Amino acid sequence: MALWKKGMWILLLLFIPAGGTGCALFVAAGAGAAVGIGASEYIGGELKQAYAAPMEKAWNAVLEAADELKMKSTEKSIDNLDKTRVVKGRTYGGKDFEITLEALGKDVTMVKVRIGVFGDEKISRTIQETVAKNLVKKG
């Protein structure tokens, strides 16, 4: 029992330095334990969620989500090292959107959603939920 308590303290200490961003949760949960790693984080108009998926798989899930939600993409970009990808456009309701994907590791991708200048948490959550659904669907 004492060993179990010690292990829980170690996990708790992992969460403190990461500021609850989900990185420590990834370490604790292990790779591939779930599609969404840790809690999503809505700060400054941007909704962030890390997924246990490689960049290409997450990219395809984001593009499929945009199609499903009738979002019109006007710009797609991939950086030279393929560590960051961005899709921009307009939502069905006419609001500008930007979805940024960042490779956090070989099999972990951070997806950031911003709607308009100040953000829209409800639309952002719908997009993230659709991305997660598409990742699960693709297995």
C-alpha atoms as a PDB file:
ATOM      1  CA  MET A   1       0.000   0.000   0.000  1.00  0.00           C
ATOM      2  CA  ALA A   2       2.843   2.413   0.825  1.00  0.00           C
ATOM      3  CA  LEU A   3       4.367   1.841  -2.623  1.00  0.00           C
ATOM      4  CA  TRP A   4       1.031   2.737  -4.273  1.00  0.00           C
ATOM      5  CA  LYS A   5       0.835   6.004  -2.294  1.00  0.00           C
ATOM      6  CA  LYS A   6       4.404   6.866  -3.263  1.00  0.00           C
ATOM      7  CA  GLY A   7       3.529   6.280  -6.932  1.00  0.00           C
ATOM      8  CA  MET A   8       0.520   8.584  -6.680  1.00  0.00           C
ATOM      9  CA  TRP A   9       2.710  11.347  -5.230  1.00  0.00           C
ATOM     10  CA  ILE A  10       5.122  10.977  -8.128  1.00  0.00           C
ATOM     11  CA  LEU A  11       2.257  11.293 -10.631  1.00  0.00           C
ATOM     12  CA  LEU A  12       0.942  14.339  -8.781  1.00  0.00           C
ATOM     13  CA  LEU A  13       4.375  15.964  -8.902  1.00  0.00           C
ATOM     14  CA  LEU A  14       4.497  15.380 -12.669  1.00  0.00           C
ATOM     15  CA  PHE A  15       1.333  17.463 -13.087  1.00  0.00           C
ATOM     16  CA  ILE A  16       2.606  20.512 -11.174  1.00  0.00           C
ATOM     17  CA  PRO A  17       5.568  21.519 -13.419  1.00  0.00           C
ATOM     18  CA  ALA A  18       3.532  21.013 -16.598  1.00  0.00           C
ATOM     19  CA  GLY A  19       0.863  23.394 -15.350  1.00  0.00           C
ATOM     20  CA  GLY A  20      -1.858  20.908 -16.209  1.00  0.00           C
ATOM     21  CA  THR A  21      -1.251  21.222 -19.952  1.00  0.00           C
ATOM     22  CA  GLY A  22      -1.714  17.538 -20.555  1.00  0.00           C
ATOM     23  CA  CYS A  23       1.941  16.654 -21.129  1.00  0.00           C
ATOM     24  CA  ALA A  24       2.314  15.076 -17.709  1.00  0.00           C
ATOM     25  CA  LEU A  25      -0.936  13.225 -18.207  1.00  0.00           C
ATOM     26  CA  PHE A  26       0.501  11.776 -21.398  1.00  0.00           C
ATOM     27  CA  VAL A  27       3.505  10.464 -19.477  1.00  0.00           C
ATOM     28  CA  ALA A  28       1.236   8.999 -16.809  1.00  0.00           C
ATOM     29  CA  ALA A  29      -1.269   7.459 -19.195  1.00  0.00           C
ATOM     30  CA  GLY A  30       1.186   6.057 -21.707  1.00  0.00           C
ATOM     31  CA  ALA A  31       1.144   6.333 -25.477  1.00  0.00           C
ATOM     32  CA  GLY A  32      -2.023   5.290 -27.193  1.00  0.00           C
ATOM     33  CA  ALA A  33      -4.064   5.044 -23.993  1.00  0.00           C
ATOM     34  CA  ALA A  34      -6.713   7.324 -25.476  1.00  0.00           C
ATOM     35  CA  VAL A  35      -7.264   9.493 -28.542  1.00  0.00           C
ATOM     36  CA  GLY A  36      -7.434  12.769 -26.577  1.00  0.00           C
ATOM     37  CA  ILE A  37      -4.581  13.077 -24.140  1.00  0.00           C
ATOM     38  CA  GLY A  38      -5.463  15.099 -21.064  1.00  0.00           C
ATOM     39  CA  ALA A  39      -8.076  17.778 -20.747  1.00  0.00           C
ATOM     40  CA  SER A  40      -8.645  20.345 -23.441  1.00  0.00           C
ATOM     41  CA  GLU A  41      -7.569  23.873 -22.580  1.00  0.00           C
ATOM     42  CA  TYR A  42      -9.414  27.038 -23.658  1.00  0.00           C
ATOM     43  CA  ILE A  43      -7.200  30.078 -23.134  1.00  0.00           C
ATOM     44  CA  GLY A  44      -7.237  33.431 -24.873  1.00  0.00           C
ATOM     45  CA  GLY A  45      -9.828  32.361 -27.430  1.00  0.00           C
ATOM     46  CA  GLU A  46      -7.948  29.218 -28.480  1.00  0.00           C
ATOM     47  CA  LEU A  47      -8.952  25.624 -27.662  1.00  0.00           C
ATOM     48  CA  LYS A  48      -6.008  23.209 -27.421  1.00  0.00           C
ATOM     49  CA  GLN A  49      -6.183  19.424 -27.328  1.00  0.00           C
ATOM     50  CA  ALA A  50      -3.367  16.876 -27.647  1.00  0.00           C
ATOM     51  CA  TYR A  51      -4.185  13.653 -29.472  1.00  0.00           C
ATOM     52  CA  ALA A  52      -2.433  10.280 -29.469  1.00  0.00           C
ATOM     53  CA  ALA A  53      -2.081  10.350 -33.244  1.00  0.00           C
ATOM     54  CA  PRO A  54       0.727  11.026 -35.707  1.00  0.00           C
ATOM     55  CA  MET A  55       0.633  14.299 -37.641  1.00  0.00           C
ATOM     56  CA  GLU A  56      -0.697  12.828 -40.907  1.00  0.00           C
ATOM     57  CA  LYS A  57      -3.581  11.030 -39.205  1.00  0.00           C
ATOM     58  CA  ALA A  58      -4.520  14.143 -37.189  1.00  0.00           C
ATOM     59  CA  TRP A  59      -4.287  16.309 -40.334  1.00  0.00           C
ATOM     60  CA  ASN A  60      -6.683  14.028 -42.212  1.00  0.00           C
ATOM     61  CA  ALA A  61      -9.082  14.038 -39.222  1.00  0.00           C
ATOM     62  CA  VAL A  62      -9.022  17.868 -39.131  1.00  0.00           C
ATOM     63  CA  LEU A  63      -9.678  18.189 -42.871  1.00  0.00           C
ATOM     64  CA  GLU A  64     -12.506  15.647 -42.647  1.00  0.00           C
ATOM     65  CA  ALA A  65     -13.983  17.536 -39.664  1.00  0.00           C
ATOM     66  CA  ALA A  66     -13.893  20.791 -41.643  1.00  0.00           C
ATOM     67  CA  ASP A  67     -15.785  19.113 -44.497  1.00  0.00           C
ATOM     68  CA  GLU A  68     -18.343  17.539 -42.153  1.00  0.00           C
ATOM     69  CA  LEU A  69     -18.990  20.893 -40.459  1.00  0.00           C
ATOM     70  CA  LYS A  70     -19.304  22.683 -43.835  1.00  0.00           C
ATOM     71  CA  MET A  71     -16.251  24.848 -43.165  1.00  0.00           C
ATOM     72  CA  LYS A  72     -14.650  26.361 -46.272  1.00  0.00           C
ATOM     73  CA  SER A  73     -10.854  26.093 -46.294  1.00  0.00           C
ATOM     74  CA  THR A  74      -9.112  29.012 -47.991  1.00  0.00           C
ATOM     75  CA  GLU A  75      -5.518  28.230 -47.029  1.00  0.00           C
ATOM     76  CA  LYS A  76      -3.553  25.110 -46.087  1.00  0.00           C
ATOM     77  CA  SER A  77       0.122  25.161 -45.188  1.00  0.00           C
ATOM     78  CA  ILE A  78       2.797  22.730 -44.002  1.00  0.00           C
ATOM     79  CA  ASP A  79       6.151  23.928 -42.663  1.00  0.00           C
ATOM     80  CA  ASN A  80       9.395  22.595 -44.179  1.00  0.00           C
ATOM     81  CA  LEU A  81      10.073  20.148 -41.328  1.00  0.00           C
ATOM     82  CA  ASP A  82       6.405  19.059 -41.137  1.00  0.00           C
ATOM     83  CA  LYS A  83       6.248  19.968 -37.455  1.00  0.00           C
ATOM     84  CA  THR A  84       3.404  22.467 -37.953  1.00  0.00           C
ATOM     85  CA  ARG A  85       0.411  22.472 -40.278  1.00  0.00           C
ATOM     86  CA  VAL A  86      -2.293  25.153 -40.554  1.00  0.00           C
ATOM     87  CA  VAL A  87      -5.699  25.303 -42.204  1.00  0.00           C
ATOM     88  CA  LYS A  88      -7.595  28.604 -42.412  1.00  0.00           C
ATOM     89  CA  GLY A  89     -10.978  29.553 -43.753  1.00  0.00           C
ATOM     90  CA  ARG A  90     -14.575  30.369 -42.819  1.00  0.00           C
ATOM     91  CA  THR A  91     -17.105  28.442 -40.783  1.00  0.00           C
ATOM     92  CA  TYR A  92     -20.597  27.641 -42.048  1.00  0.00           C
ATOM     93  CA  GLY A  93     -21.793  30.687 -40.048  1.00  0.00           C
ATOM     94  CA  GLY A  94     -19.283  32.984 -41.789  1.00  0.00           C
ATOM     95  CA  LYS A  95     -16.686  33.312 -38.995  1.00  0.00           C
ATOM     96  CA  ASP A  96     -12.967  33.088 -39.759  1.00  0.00           C
ATOM     97  CA  PHE A  97     -11.187  30.049 -38.345  1.00  0.00           C
ATOM     98  CA  GLU A  98      -7.631  28.839 -37.946  1.00  0.00           C
ATOM     99  CA  ILE A  99      -6.676  25.301 -36.955  1.00  0.00           C
ATOM    100  CA  THR A 100      -3.022  24.691 -36.161  1.00  0.00           C
ATOM    101  CA  LEU A 101      -1.483  21.253 -35.704  1.00  0.00           C
ATOM    102  CA  GLU A 102       1.865  20.851 -33.941  1.00  0.00           C
ATOM    103  CA  ALA A 103       3.803  17.591 -33.741  1.00  0.00           C
ATOM    104  CA  LEU A 104       4.691  17.043 -30.072  1.00  0.00           C
ATOM    105  CA  GLY A 105       6.242  13.660 -30.824  1.00  0.00           C
ATOM    106  CA  LYS A 106       6.082  10.872 -33.382  1.00  0.00           C
ATOM    107  CA  ASP A 107       2.595   9.801 -32.257  1.00  0.00           C
ATOM    108  CA  VAL A 108       1.312  12.920 -30.477  1.00  0.00           C
ATOM    109  CA  THR A 109      -0.221  15.953 -32.180  1.00  0.00           C
ATOM    110  CA  MET A 110      -1.536  19.145 -30.583  1.00  0.00           C
ATOM    111  CA  VAL A 111      -4.562  20.626 -32.347  1.00  0.00           C
ATOM    112  CA  LYS A 112      -5.340  24.309 -31.667  1.00  0.00           C
ATOM    113  CA  VAL A 113      -8.612  25.882 -32.830  1.00  0.00           C
ATOM    114  CA  ARG A 114      -9.347  29.616 -32.983  1.00  0.00           C
ATOM    115  CA  ILE A 115     -12.591  31.082 -34.271  1.00  0.00           C
ATOM    116  CA  GLY A 116     -12.480  34.769 -35.206  1.00  0.00           C
ATOM    117  CA  VAL A 117     -10.247  37.221 -33.368  1.00  0.00           C
ATOM    118  CA  PHE A 118     -11.559  36.613 -29.865  1.00  0.00           C
ATOM    119  CA  GLY A 119     -12.521  32.944 -30.173  1.00  0.00           C
ATOM    120  CA  ASP A 120     -15.772  31.026 -29.836  1.00  0.00           C
ATOM    121  CA  GLU A 121     -15.547  28.203 -27.314  1.00  0.00           C
ATOM    122  CA  LYS A 122     -18.735  26.440 -28.433  1.00  0.00           C
ATOM    123  CA  ILE A 123     -17.711  26.187 -32.107  1.00  0.00           C
ATOM    124  CA  SER A 124     -14.136  25.301 -31.123  1.00  0.00           C
ATOM    125  CA  ARG A 125     -15.375  22.421 -28.946  1.00  0.00           C
ATOM    126  CA  THR A 126     -17.601  21.146 -31.762  1.00  0.00           C
ATOM    127  CA  ILE A 127     -14.582  21.097 -34.080  1.00  0.00           C
ATOM    128  CA  GLN A 128     -12.381  19.296 -31.515  1.00  0.00           C
ATOM    129  CA  GLU A 129     -15.130  16.743 -30.823  1.00  0.00           C
ATOM    130  CA  THR A 130     -15.470  16.060 -34.550  1.00  0.00           C
ATOM    131  CA  VAL A 131     -11.693  15.670 -34.914  1.00  0.00           C
ATOM    132  CA  ALA A 132     -11.661  13.195 -31.995  1.00  0.00           C
ATOM    133  CA  LYS A 133     -14.572  11.252 -33.514  1.00  0.00           C
ATOM    134  CA  ASN A 134     -12.740  11.037 -36.850  1.00  0.00           C
ATOM    135  CA  LEU A 135      -9.564   9.798 -35.165  1.00  0.00           C
ATOM    136  CA  VAL A 136     -11.469   7.035 -33.378  1.00  0.00           C
ATOM    137  CA  LYS A 137     -13.314   6.140 -36.583  1.00  0.00           C
ATOM    138  CA  LYS A 138     -10.032   5.694 -38.468  1.00  0.00           C
ATOM    139  CA  GLY A 139      -8.687   3.462 -35.691  1.00  0.00           C
END
